[in-house]
Amino acid sequence: MIMSTTPDIQGKEIKETLGIVRGNTIRARHLGRDITAILKTIIGGEIEDYTKLMGEAREQSIDRMKREAEKLGANAVVQVRFSTSYLLGGSAEILVYGTAVRVE
């Protein structure tokens, strides 16, 4: 599956536009990670546990979007975008979306 943030894919021709596809996940923080995060806000530095958590959430969202595109018969997704929303209780949603297309 080809994925691109641009409206086209260099060297490929879009033969059919199949529609909008998306994938999302909602992840909650962990109390143990919060304690580490509080310490990091005092002394500074990257909060590696949260970086890993958000990276995993992005990958899961991308996988879900790919599956939705494949169900439509797409072999590529263009105009891929990410959105993050903070939700109640220390949880966050990662949403990825784009346009499913068939290219040659």
PDB file of N, CA and C in Angstrom:
ATOM      1  N   MET A   1       0.853  -1.177   0.000  1.00  0.00           N
ATOM      2  CA  MET A   1       0.000   0.000   0.000  1.00  0.00           C
ATOM      3  C   MET A   1       0.897   1.239   0.000  1.00  0.00           C
ATOM      4  N   ILE A   2       0.725   2.077  -1.009  1.00  0.00           N
ATOM      5  CA  ILE A   2       1.461   3.333  -1.079  1.00  0.00           C
ATOM      6  C   ILE A   2       0.677   4.378  -0.298  1.00  0.00           C
ATOM      7  N   MET A   3       1.377   5.145   0.514  1.00  0.00           N
ATOM      8  CA  MET A   3       0.731   6.234   1.242  1.00  0.00           C
ATOM      9  C   MET A   3       1.526   7.505   1.001  1.00  0.00           C
ATOM     10  N   SER A   4       0.803   8.616   0.811  1.00  0.00           N
ATOM     11  CA  SER A   4       1.464   9.875   0.504  1.00  0.00           C
ATOM     12  C   SER A   4       0.708  11.034   1.138  1.00  0.00           C
ATOM     13  N   THR A   5       1.457  12.028   1.585  1.00  0.00           N
ATOM     14  CA  THR A   5       0.825  13.243   2.102  1.00  0.00           C
ATOM     15  C   THR A   5       0.498  14.218   0.977  1.00  0.00           C
ATOM     16  N   THR A   6       0.948  13.910  -0.224  1.00  0.00           N
ATOM     17  CA  THR A   6       0.698  14.771  -1.385  1.00  0.00           C
ATOM     18  C   THR A   6      -0.562  14.310  -2.119  1.00  0.00           C
ATOM     19  N   PRO A   7      -1.109  15.154  -3.003  1.00  0.00           N
ATOM     20  CA  PRO A   7      -2.331  14.770  -3.722  1.00  0.00           C
ATOM     21  C   PRO A   7      -2.111  13.761  -4.840  1.00  0.00           C
ATOM     22  N   ASP A   8      -0.859  13.506  -5.180  1.00  0.00           N
ATOM     23  CA  ASP A   8      -0.556  12.519  -6.217  1.00  0.00           C
ATOM     24  C   ASP A   8       0.702  11.766  -5.824  1.00  0.00           C
ATOM     25  N   ILE A   9       1.036  10.759  -6.617  1.00  0.00           N
ATOM     26  CA  ILE A   9       2.221   9.950  -6.364  1.00  0.00           C
ATOM     27  C   ILE A   9       3.084  10.009  -7.611  1.00  0.00           C
ATOM     28  N   GLN A  10       4.274  10.526  -7.462  1.00  0.00           N
ATOM     29  CA  GLN A  10       5.164  10.691  -8.604  1.00  0.00           C
ATOM     30  C   GLN A  10       5.390   9.358  -9.312  1.00  0.00           C
ATOM     31  N   GLY A  11       5.217   9.378 -10.618  1.00  0.00           N
ATOM     32  CA  GLY A  11       5.424   8.180 -11.425  1.00  0.00           C
ATOM     33  C   GLY A  11       4.208   7.269 -11.500  1.00  0.00           C
ATOM     34  N   LYS A  12       3.133   7.626 -10.811  1.00  0.00           N
ATOM     35  CA  LYS A  12       1.897   6.832 -10.821  1.00  0.00           C
ATOM     36  C   LYS A  12       0.751   7.699 -11.304  1.00  0.00           C
ATOM     37  N   GLU A  13      -0.223   7.053 -11.915  1.00  0.00           N
ATOM     38  CA  GLU A  13      -1.416   7.761 -12.367  1.00  0.00           C
ATOM     39  C   GLU A  13      -2.619   7.268 -11.566  1.00  0.00           C
ATOM     40  N   ILE A  14      -3.353   8.192 -10.999  1.00  0.00           N
ATOM     41  CA  ILE A  14      -4.567   7.831 -10.258  1.00  0.00           C
ATOM     42  C   ILE A  14      -5.642   7.471 -11.271  1.00  0.00           C
ATOM     43  N   LYS A  15      -6.080   6.221 -11.220  1.00  0.00           N
ATOM     44  CA  LYS A  15      -7.102   5.728 -12.145  1.00  0.00           C
ATOM     45  C   LYS A  15      -8.504   5.847 -11.571  1.00  0.00           C
ATOM     46  N   GLU A  16      -8.600   5.790 -10.237  1.00  0.00           N
ATOM     47  CA  GLU A  16      -9.920   5.840  -9.611  1.00  0.00           C
ATOM     48  C   GLU A  16      -9.788   6.360  -8.176  1.00  0.00           C
ATOM     49  N   THR A  17     -10.692   7.255  -7.824  1.00  0.00           N
ATOM     50  CA  THR A  17     -10.783   7.741  -6.446  1.00  0.00           C
ATOM     51  C   THR A  17     -11.910   6.971  -5.772  1.00  0.00           C
ATOM     52  N   LEU A  18     -11.599   6.349  -4.644  1.00  0.00           N
ATOM     53  CA  LEU A  18     -12.548   5.443  -4.000  1.00  0.00           C
ATOM     54  C   LEU A  18     -13.221   6.027  -2.761  1.00  0.00           C
ATOM     55  N   GLY A  19     -12.682   7.110  -2.237  1.00  0.00           N
ATOM     56  CA  GLY A  19     -13.323   7.763  -1.109  1.00  0.00           C
ATOM     57  C   GLY A  19     -12.404   7.991   0.075  1.00  0.00           C
ATOM     58  N   ILE A  20     -12.942   8.647   1.075  1.00  0.00           N
ATOM     59  CA  ILE A  20     -12.192   8.969   2.291  1.00  0.00           C
ATOM     60  C   ILE A  20     -12.073   7.717   3.149  1.00  0.00           C
ATOM     61  N   VAL A  21     -10.886   7.526   3.699  1.00  0.00           N
ATOM     62  CA  VAL A  21     -10.648   6.426   4.635  1.00  0.00           C
ATOM     63  C   VAL A  21     -10.013   7.007   5.896  1.00  0.00           C
ATOM     64  N   ARG A  22     -10.223   6.322   7.001  1.00  0.00           N
ATOM     65  CA  ARG A  22      -9.666   6.805   8.255  1.00  0.00           C
ATOM     66  C   ARG A  22      -9.340   5.649   9.171  1.00  0.00           C
ATOM     67  N   GLY A  23      -8.535   5.938  10.145  1.00  0.00           N
ATOM     68  CA  GLY A  23      -8.224   4.988  11.200  1.00  0.00           C
ATOM     69  C   GLY A  23      -7.963   5.788  12.463  1.00  0.00           C
ATOM     70  N   ASN A  24      -8.396   5.277  13.584  1.00  0.00           N
ATOM     71  CA  ASN A  24      -8.151   6.006  14.825  1.00  0.00           C
ATOM     72  C   ASN A  24      -7.967   5.052  15.982  1.00  0.00           C
ATOM     73  N   THR A  25      -7.419   5.579  17.048  1.00  0.00           N
ATOM     74  CA  THR A  25      -7.291   4.853  18.300  1.00  0.00           C
ATOM     75  C   THR A  25      -7.304   5.878  19.424  1.00  0.00           C
ATOM     76  N   ILE A  26      -7.741   5.454  20.568  1.00  0.00           N
ATOM     77  CA  ILE A  26      -7.728   6.299  21.753  1.00  0.00           C
ATOM     78  C   ILE A  26      -6.889   5.587  22.804  1.00  0.00           C
ATOM     79  N   ARG A  27      -5.912   6.287  23.317  1.00  0.00           N
ATOM     80  CA  ARG A  27      -5.008   5.716  24.311  1.00  0.00           C
ATOM     81  C   ARG A  27      -5.092   6.522  25.595  1.00  0.00           C
ATOM     82  N   ALA A  28      -5.024   5.820  26.709  1.00  0.00           N
ATOM     83  CA  ALA A  28      -5.048   6.462  28.023  1.00  0.00           C
ATOM     84  C   ALA A  28      -3.673   6.378  28.656  1.00  0.00           C
ATOM     85  N   ARG A  29      -3.374   7.360  29.477  1.00  0.00           N
ATOM     86  CA  ARG A  29      -2.115   7.366  30.213  1.00  0.00           C
ATOM     87  C   ARG A  29      -2.171   6.331  31.324  1.00  0.00           C
ATOM     88  N   HIS A  30      -1.012   5.992  31.831  1.00  0.00           N
ATOM     89  CA  HIS A  30      -0.864   5.014  32.908  1.00  0.00           C
ATOM     90  C   HIS A  30      -0.339   5.749  34.134  1.00  0.00           C
ATOM     91  N   LEU A  31      -0.866   5.452  35.320  1.00  0.00           N
ATOM     92  CA  LEU A  31      -0.480   6.140  36.539  1.00  0.00           C
ATOM     93  C   LEU A  31       1.026   6.114  36.764  1.00  0.00           C
ATOM     94  N   GLY A  32       1.657   4.970  36.558  1.00  0.00           N
ATOM     95  CA  GLY A  32       3.110   4.869  36.719  1.00  0.00           C
ATOM     96  C   GLY A  32       3.849   5.797  35.778  1.00  0.00           C
ATOM     97  N   ARG A  33       3.355   5.907  34.551  1.00  0.00           N
ATOM     98  CA  ARG A  33       3.974   6.810  33.577  1.00  0.00           C
ATOM     99  C   ARG A  33       3.761   8.259  33.979  1.00  0.00           C
ATOM    100  N   ASP A  34       2.602   8.550  34.575  1.00  0.00           N
ATOM    101  CA  ASP A  34       2.324   9.921  35.011  1.00  0.00           C
ATOM    102  C   ASP A  34       3.317  10.383  36.073  1.00  0.00           C
ATOM    103  N   ILE A  35       3.685   9.504  36.973  1.00  0.00           N
ATOM    104  CA  ILE A  35       4.649   9.868  38.017  1.00  0.00           C
ATOM    105  C   ILE A  35       5.986  10.222  37.379  1.00  0.00           C
ATOM    106  N   THR A  36       6.426   9.403  36.443  1.00  0.00           N
ATOM    107  CA  THR A  36       7.668   9.687  35.716  1.00  0.00           C
ATOM    108  C   THR A  36       7.552  11.004  34.954  1.00  0.00           C
ATOM    109  N   ALA A  37       6.403  11.230  34.339  1.00  0.00           N
ATOM    110  CA  ALA A  37       6.193  12.460  33.565  1.00  0.00           C
ATOM    111  C   ALA A  37       6.261  13.692  34.464  1.00  0.00           C
ATOM    112  N   ILE A  38       5.698  13.611  35.639  1.00  0.00           N
ATOM    113  CA  ILE A  38       5.738  14.744  36.567  1.00  0.00           C
ATOM    114  C   ILE A  38       7.183  15.070  36.931  1.00  0.00           C
ATOM    115  N   LEU A  39       7.968  14.036  37.195  1.00  0.00           N
ATOM    116  CA  LEU A  39       9.383  14.257  37.503  1.00  0.00           C
ATOM    117  C   LEU A  39      10.111  14.900  36.320  1.00  0.00           C
ATOM    118  N   LYS A  40       9.791  14.433  35.111  1.00  0.00           N
ATOM    119  CA  LYS A  40      10.445  14.979  33.917  1.00  0.00           C
ATOM    120  C   LYS A  40      10.081  16.449  33.716  1.00  0.00           C
ATOM    121  N   THR A  41       8.859  16.846  34.078  1.00  0.00           N
ATOM    122  CA  THR A  41       8.482  18.251  33.913  1.00  0.00           C
ATOM    123  C   THR A  41       9.261  19.138  34.875  1.00  0.00           C
ATOM    124  N   ILE A  42       9.707  18.565  35.972  1.00  0.00           N
ATOM    125  CA  ILE A  42      10.500  19.328  36.940  1.00  0.00           C
ATOM    126  C   ILE A  42      11.958  19.426  36.492  1.00  0.00           C
ATOM    127  N   ILE A  43      12.539  18.303  36.090  1.00  0.00           N
ATOM    128  CA  ILE A  43      13.957  18.289  35.735  1.00  0.00           C
ATOM    129  C   ILE A  43      14.211  18.476  34.243  1.00  0.00           C
ATOM    130  N   GLY A  44      13.175  18.296  33.443  1.00  0.00           N
ATOM    131  CA  GLY A  44      13.313  18.465  31.997  1.00  0.00           C
ATOM    132  C   GLY A  44      13.679  17.162  31.303  1.00  0.00           C
ATOM    133  N   GLY A  45      13.479  17.141  30.006  1.00  0.00           N
ATOM    134  CA  GLY A  45      13.838  15.977  29.212  1.00  0.00           C
ATOM    135  C   GLY A  45      12.629  15.328  28.556  1.00  0.00           C
ATOM    136  N   GLU A  46      12.932  14.431  27.656  1.00  0.00           N
ATOM    137  CA  GLU A  46      11.883  13.710  26.919  1.00  0.00           C
ATOM    138  C   GLU A  46      11.217  12.684  27.827  1.00  0.00           C
ATOM    139  N   ILE A  47       9.921  12.547  27.670  1.00  0.00           N
ATOM    140  CA  ILE A  47       9.168  11.525  28.401  1.00  0.00           C
ATOM    141  C   ILE A  47       9.034  10.338  27.450  1.00  0.00           C
ATOM    142  N   GLU A  48      10.015   9.440  27.497  1.00  0.00           N
ATOM    143  CA  GLU A  48      10.126   8.348  26.528  1.00  0.00           C
ATOM    144  C   GLU A  48       8.901   7.443  26.517  1.00  0.00           C
ATOM    145  N   ASP A  49       8.316   7.180  27.682  1.00  0.00           N
ATOM    146  CA  ASP A  49       7.134   6.311  27.725  1.00  0.00           C
ATOM    147  C   ASP A  49       5.984   6.895  26.914  1.00  0.00           C
ATOM    148  N   TYR A  50       5.786   8.201  27.001  1.00  0.00           N
ATOM    149  CA  TYR A  50       4.716   8.837  26.240  1.00  0.00           C
ATOM    150  C   TYR A  50       5.046   8.889  24.752  1.00  0.00           C
ATOM    151  N   THR A  51       6.322   9.095  24.442  1.00  0.00           N
ATOM    152  CA  THR A  51       6.744   9.087  23.039  1.00  0.00           C
ATOM    153  C   THR A  51       6.432   7.724  22.422  1.00  0.00           C
ATOM    154  N   LYS A  52       6.766   6.664  23.141  1.00  0.00           N
ATOM    155  CA  LYS A  52       6.499   5.308  22.664  1.00  0.00           C
ATOM    156  C   LYS A  52       4.989   5.063  22.545  1.00  0.00           C
ATOM    157  N   LEU A  53       4.226   5.499  23.537  1.00  0.00           N
ATOM    158  CA  LEU A  53       2.775   5.317  23.533  1.00  0.00           C
ATOM    159  C   LEU A  53       2.141   5.985  22.313  1.00  0.00           C
ATOM    160  N   MET A  54       2.540   7.214  22.028  1.00  0.00           N
ATOM    161  CA  MET A  54       1.963   7.934  20.895  1.00  0.00           C
ATOM    162  C   MET A  54       2.425   7.335  19.568  1.00  0.00           C
ATOM    163  N   GLY A  55       3.668   6.866  19.501  1.00  0.00           N
ATOM    164  CA  GLY A  55       4.154   6.215  18.284  1.00  0.00           C
ATOM    165  C   GLY A  55       3.363   4.951  17.970  1.00  0.00           C
ATOM    166  N   GLU A  56       3.098   4.160  19.006  1.00  0.00           N
ATOM    167  CA  GLU A  56       2.297   2.942  18.829  1.00  0.00           C
ATOM    168  C   GLU A  56       0.875   3.297  18.394  1.00  0.00           C
ATOM    169  N   ALA A  57       0.334   4.354  18.960  1.00  0.00           N
ATOM    170  CA  ALA A  57      -1.024   4.779  18.594  1.00  0.00           C
ATOM    171  C   ALA A  57      -1.080   5.221  17.134  1.00  0.00           C
ATOM    172  N   ARG A  58      -0.058   5.948  16.675  1.00  0.00           N
ATOM    173  CA  ARG A  58      -0.024   6.359  15.263  1.00  0.00           C
ATOM    174  C   ARG A  58       0.028   5.154  14.343  1.00  0.00           C
ATOM    175  N   GLU A  59       0.889   4.182  14.663  1.00  0.00           N
ATOM    176  CA  GLU A  59       1.011   2.983  13.825  1.00  0.00           C
ATOM    177  C   GLU A  59      -0.296   2.199  13.784  1.00  0.00           C
ATOM    178  N   GLN A  60      -0.968   2.081  14.914  1.00  0.00           N
ATOM    179  CA  GLN A  60      -2.244   1.370  14.954  1.00  0.00           C
ATOM    180  C   GLN A  60      -3.287   2.095  14.098  1.00  0.00           C
ATOM    181  N   SER A  61      -3.311   3.420  14.170  1.00  0.00           N
ATOM    182  CA  SER A  61      -4.250   4.197  13.369  1.00  0.00           C
ATOM    183  C   SER A  61      -3.971   4.041  11.879  1.00  0.00           C
ATOM    184  N   ILE A  62      -2.692   4.061  11.503  1.00  0.00           N
ATOM    185  CA  ILE A  62      -2.321   3.871  10.097  1.00  0.00           C
ATOM    186  C   ILE A  62      -2.762   2.488   9.621  1.00  0.00           C
ATOM    187  N   ASP A  63      -2.520   1.461  10.416  1.00  0.00           N
ATOM    188  CA  ASP A  63      -2.929   0.104  10.044  1.00  0.00           C
ATOM    189  C   ASP A  63      -4.431   0.019   9.824  1.00  0.00           C
ATOM    190  N   ARG A  64      -5.190   0.671  10.677  1.00  0.00           N
ATOM    191  CA  ARG A  64      -6.656   0.655  10.529  1.00  0.00           C
ATOM    192  C   ARG A  64      -7.096   1.378   9.270  1.00  0.00           C
ATOM    193  N   MET A  65      -6.443   2.496   8.942  1.00  0.00           N
ATOM    194  CA  MET A  65      -6.771   3.221   7.719  1.00  0.00           C
ATOM    195  C   MET A  65      -6.435   2.370   6.489  1.00  0.00           C
ATOM    196  N   LYS A  66      -5.271   1.705   6.519  1.00  0.00           N
ATOM    197  CA  LYS A  66      -4.884   0.830   5.405  1.00  0.00           C
ATOM    198  C   LYS A  66      -5.915  -0.270   5.177  1.00  0.00           C
ATOM    199  N   ARG A  67      -6.369  -0.902   6.257  1.00  0.00           N
ATOM    200  CA  ARG A  67      -7.372  -1.970   6.118  1.00  0.00           C
ATOM    201  C   ARG A  67      -8.661  -1.437   5.500  1.00  0.00           C
ATOM    202  N   GLU A  68      -9.065  -0.241   5.903  1.00  0.00           N
ATOM    203  CA  GLU A  68     -10.271   0.349   5.335  1.00  0.00           C
ATOM    204  C   GLU A  68     -10.083   0.622   3.842  1.00  0.00           C
ATOM    205  N   ALA A  69      -8.899   1.114   3.464  1.00  0.00           N
ATOM    206  CA  ALA A  69      -8.606   1.382   2.053  1.00  0.00           C
ATOM    207  C   ALA A  69      -8.593   0.085   1.243  1.00  0.00           C
ATOM    208  N   GLU A  70      -7.997  -0.972   1.805  1.00  0.00           N
ATOM    209  CA  GLU A  70      -7.957  -2.260   1.112  1.00  0.00           C
ATOM    210  C   GLU A  70      -9.355  -2.822   0.890  1.00  0.00           C
ATOM    211  N   LYS A  71     -10.245  -2.623   1.848  1.00  0.00           N
ATOM    212  CA  LYS A  71     -11.632  -3.090   1.693  1.00  0.00           C
ATOM    213  C   LYS A  71     -12.318  -2.417   0.506  1.00  0.00           C
ATOM    214  N   LEU A  72     -11.896  -1.182   0.194  1.00  0.00           N
ATOM    215  CA  LEU A  72     -12.467  -0.459  -0.944  1.00  0.00           C
ATOM    216  C   LEU A  72     -11.787  -0.843  -2.257  1.00  0.00           C
ATOM    217  N   GLY A  73     -10.719  -1.629  -2.179  1.00  0.00           N
ATOM    218  CA  GLY A  73      -9.982  -2.024  -3.376  1.00  0.00           C
ATOM    219  C   GLY A  73      -8.861  -1.077  -3.750  1.00  0.00           C
ATOM    220  N   ALA A  74      -8.452  -0.226  -2.824  1.00  0.00           N
ATOM    221  CA  ALA A  74      -7.393   0.746  -3.090  1.00  0.00           C
ATOM    222  C   ALA A  74      -6.017   0.090  -3.007  1.00  0.00           C
ATOM    223  N   ASN A  75      -5.076   0.672  -3.739  1.00  0.00           N
ATOM    224  CA  ASN A  75      -3.684   0.260  -3.589  1.00  0.00           C
ATOM    225  C   ASN A  75      -2.810   1.441  -3.158  1.00  0.00           C
ATOM    226  N   ALA A  76      -3.478   2.568  -2.840  1.00  0.00           N
ATOM    227  CA  ALA A  76      -2.760   3.744  -2.348  1.00  0.00           C
ATOM    228  C   ALA A  76      -3.723   4.654  -1.586  1.00  0.00           C
ATOM    229  N   VAL A  77      -3.144   5.485  -0.731  1.00  0.00           N
ATOM    230  CA  VAL A  77      -3.904   6.523  -0.031  1.00  0.00           C
ATOM    231  C   VAL A  77      -3.114   7.819  -0.189  1.00  0.00           C
ATOM    232  N   VAL A  78      -3.780   8.858  -0.692  1.00  0.00           N
ATOM    233  CA  VAL A  78      -3.138  10.161  -0.870  1.00  0.00           C
ATOM    234  C   VAL A  78      -3.737  11.166   0.103  1.00  0.00           C
ATOM    235  N   GLN A  79      -3.049  12.298   0.234  1.00  0.00           N
ATOM    236  CA  GLN A  79      -3.483  13.371   1.137  1.00  0.00           C
ATOM    237  C   GLN A  79      -3.613  12.883   2.582  1.00  0.00           C
ATOM    238  N   VAL A  80      -2.692  12.048   3.027  1.00  0.00           N
ATOM    239  CA  VAL A  80      -2.737  11.496   4.378  1.00  0.00           C
ATOM    240  C   VAL A  80      -2.464  12.606   5.390  1.00  0.00           C
ATOM    241  N   ARG A  81      -3.306  12.677   6.405  1.00  0.00           N
ATOM    242  CA  ARG A  81      -3.187  13.676   7.462  1.00  0.00           C
ATOM    243  C   ARG A  81      -3.381  13.018   8.822  1.00  0.00           C
ATOM    244  N   PHE A  82      -2.792  13.621   9.844  1.00  0.00           N
ATOM    245  CA  PHE A  82      -2.932  13.166  11.223  1.00  0.00           C
ATOM    246  C   PHE A  82      -3.596  14.250  12.052  1.00  0.00           C
ATOM    247  N   SER A  83      -4.355  13.815  13.041  1.00  0.00           N
ATOM    248  CA  SER A  83      -4.969  14.731  13.989  1.00  0.00           C
ATOM    249  C   SER A  83      -4.895  14.093  15.370  1.00  0.00           C
ATOM    250  N   THR A  84      -4.614  14.903  16.368  1.00  0.00           N
ATOM    251  CA  THR A  84      -4.564  14.425  17.740  1.00  0.00           C
ATOM    252  C   THR A  84      -5.516  15.259  18.579  1.00  0.00           C
ATOM    253  N   SER A  85      -6.308  14.598  19.398  1.00  0.00           N
ATOM    254  CA  SER A  85      -7.238  15.290  20.284  1.00  0.00           C
ATOM    255  C   SER A  85      -7.049  14.801  21.698  1.00  0.00           C
ATOM    256  N   TYR A  86      -7.020  15.721  22.624  1.00  0.00           N
ATOM    257  CA  TYR A  86      -6.937  15.378  24.039  1.00  0.00           C
ATOM    258  C   TYR A  86      -8.358  15.135  24.536  1.00  0.00           C
ATOM    259  N   LEU A  87      -8.557  14.018  25.234  1.00  0.00           N
ATOM    260  CA  LEU A  87      -9.868  13.674  25.762  1.00  0.00           C
ATOM    261  C   LEU A  87      -9.844  13.686  27.283  1.00  0.00           C
ATOM    262  N   LEU A  88     -10.986  13.601  27.874  1.00  0.00           N
ATOM    263  CA  LEU A  88     -11.133  13.610  29.321  1.00  0.00           C
ATOM    264  C   LEU A  88     -10.329  12.498  29.979  1.00  0.00           C
ATOM    265  N   GLY A  89      -9.767  12.785  31.128  1.00  0.00           N
ATOM    266  CA  GLY A  89      -9.100  11.759  31.911  1.00  0.00           C
ATOM    267  C   GLY A  89      -7.721  11.377  31.437  1.00  0.00           C
ATOM    268  N   GLY A  90      -7.059  12.256  30.723  1.00  0.00           N
ATOM    269  CA  GLY A  90      -5.694  11.960  30.316  1.00  0.00           C
ATOM    270  C   GLY A  90      -5.577  10.998  29.156  1.00  0.00           C
ATOM    271  N   SER A  91      -6.604  10.904  28.343  1.00  0.00           N
ATOM    272  CA  SER A  91      -6.516  10.049  27.162  1.00  0.00           C
ATOM    273  C   SER A  91      -6.462  10.932  25.917  1.00  0.00           C
ATOM    274  N   ALA A  92      -5.935  10.363  24.847  1.00  0.00           N
ATOM    275  CA  ALA A  92      -5.792  11.102  23.594  1.00  0.00           C
ATOM    276  C   ALA A  92      -6.227  10.226  22.433  1.00  0.00           C
ATOM    277  N   GLU A  93      -6.808  10.872  21.428  1.00  0.00           N
ATOM    278  CA  GLU A  93      -7.178  10.177  20.202  1.00  0.00           C
ATOM    279  C   GLU A  93      -6.183  10.555  19.115  1.00  0.00           C
ATOM    280  N   ILE A  94      -5.748   9.552  18.380  1.00  0.00           N
ATOM    281  CA  ILE A  94      -4.953   9.760  17.171  1.00  0.00           C
ATOM    282  C   ILE A  94      -5.855   9.362  16.007  1.00  0.00           C
ATOM    283  N   LEU A  95      -6.029  10.275  15.076  1.00  0.00           N
ATOM    284  CA  LEU A  95      -6.838  10.026  13.887  1.00  0.00           C
ATOM    285  C   LEU A  95      -5.955  10.251  12.673  1.00  0.00           C
ATOM    286  N   VAL A  96      -5.975   9.310  11.747  1.00  0.00           N
ATOM    287  CA  VAL A  96      -5.286   9.468  10.471  1.00  0.00           C
ATOM    288  C   VAL A  96      -6.340   9.283   9.382  1.00  0.00           C
ATOM    289  N   TYR A  97      -6.264  10.120   8.340  1.00  0.00           N
ATOM    290  CA  TYR A  97      -7.257  10.038   7.274  1.00  0.00           C
ATOM    291  C   TYR A  97      -6.636  10.437   5.944  1.00  0.00           C
ATOM    292  N   GLY A  98      -7.282  10.018   4.890  1.00  0.00           N
ATOM    293  CA  GLY A  98      -6.795  10.340   3.546  1.00  0.00           C
ATOM    294  C   GLY A  98      -7.812   9.880   2.510  1.00  0.00           C
ATOM    295  N   THR A  99      -7.413   9.928   1.259  1.00  0.00           N
ATOM    296  CA  THR A  99      -8.268   9.535   0.138  1.00  0.00           C
ATOM    297  C   THR A  99      -7.738   8.238  -0.451  1.00  0.00           C
ATOM    298  N   ALA A 100      -8.576   7.225  -0.456  1.00  0.00           N
ATOM    299  CA  ALA A 100      -8.224   5.937  -1.046  1.00  0.00           C
ATOM    300  C   ALA A 100      -8.324   6.047  -2.559  1.00  0.00           C
ATOM    301  N   VAL A 101      -7.285   5.565  -3.240  1.00  0.00           N
ATOM    302  CA  VAL A 101      -7.252   5.610  -4.700  1.00  0.00           C
ATOM    303  C   VAL A 101      -6.695   4.311  -5.262  1.00  0.00           C
ATOM    304  N   ARG A 102      -6.949   4.110  -6.541  1.00  0.00           N
ATOM    305  CA  ARG A 102      -6.317   3.018  -7.274  1.00  0.00           C
ATOM    306  C   ARG A 102      -5.367   3.660  -8.280  1.00  0.00           C
ATOM    307  N   VAL A 103      -4.086   3.275  -8.212  1.00  0.00           N
ATOM    308  CA  VAL A 103      -3.088   3.847  -9.108  1.00  0.00           C
ATOM    309  C   VAL A 103      -2.477   2.770  -9.993  1.00  0.00           C
ATOM    310  N   GLU A 104      -1.919   3.217 -11.111  1.00  0.00           N
ATOM    311  CA  GLU A 104      -1.164   2.336 -12.020  1.00  0.00           C
ATOM    312  C   GLU A 104       0.189   2.945 -12.262  1.00  0.00           C
TER     313      GLU A 104
END
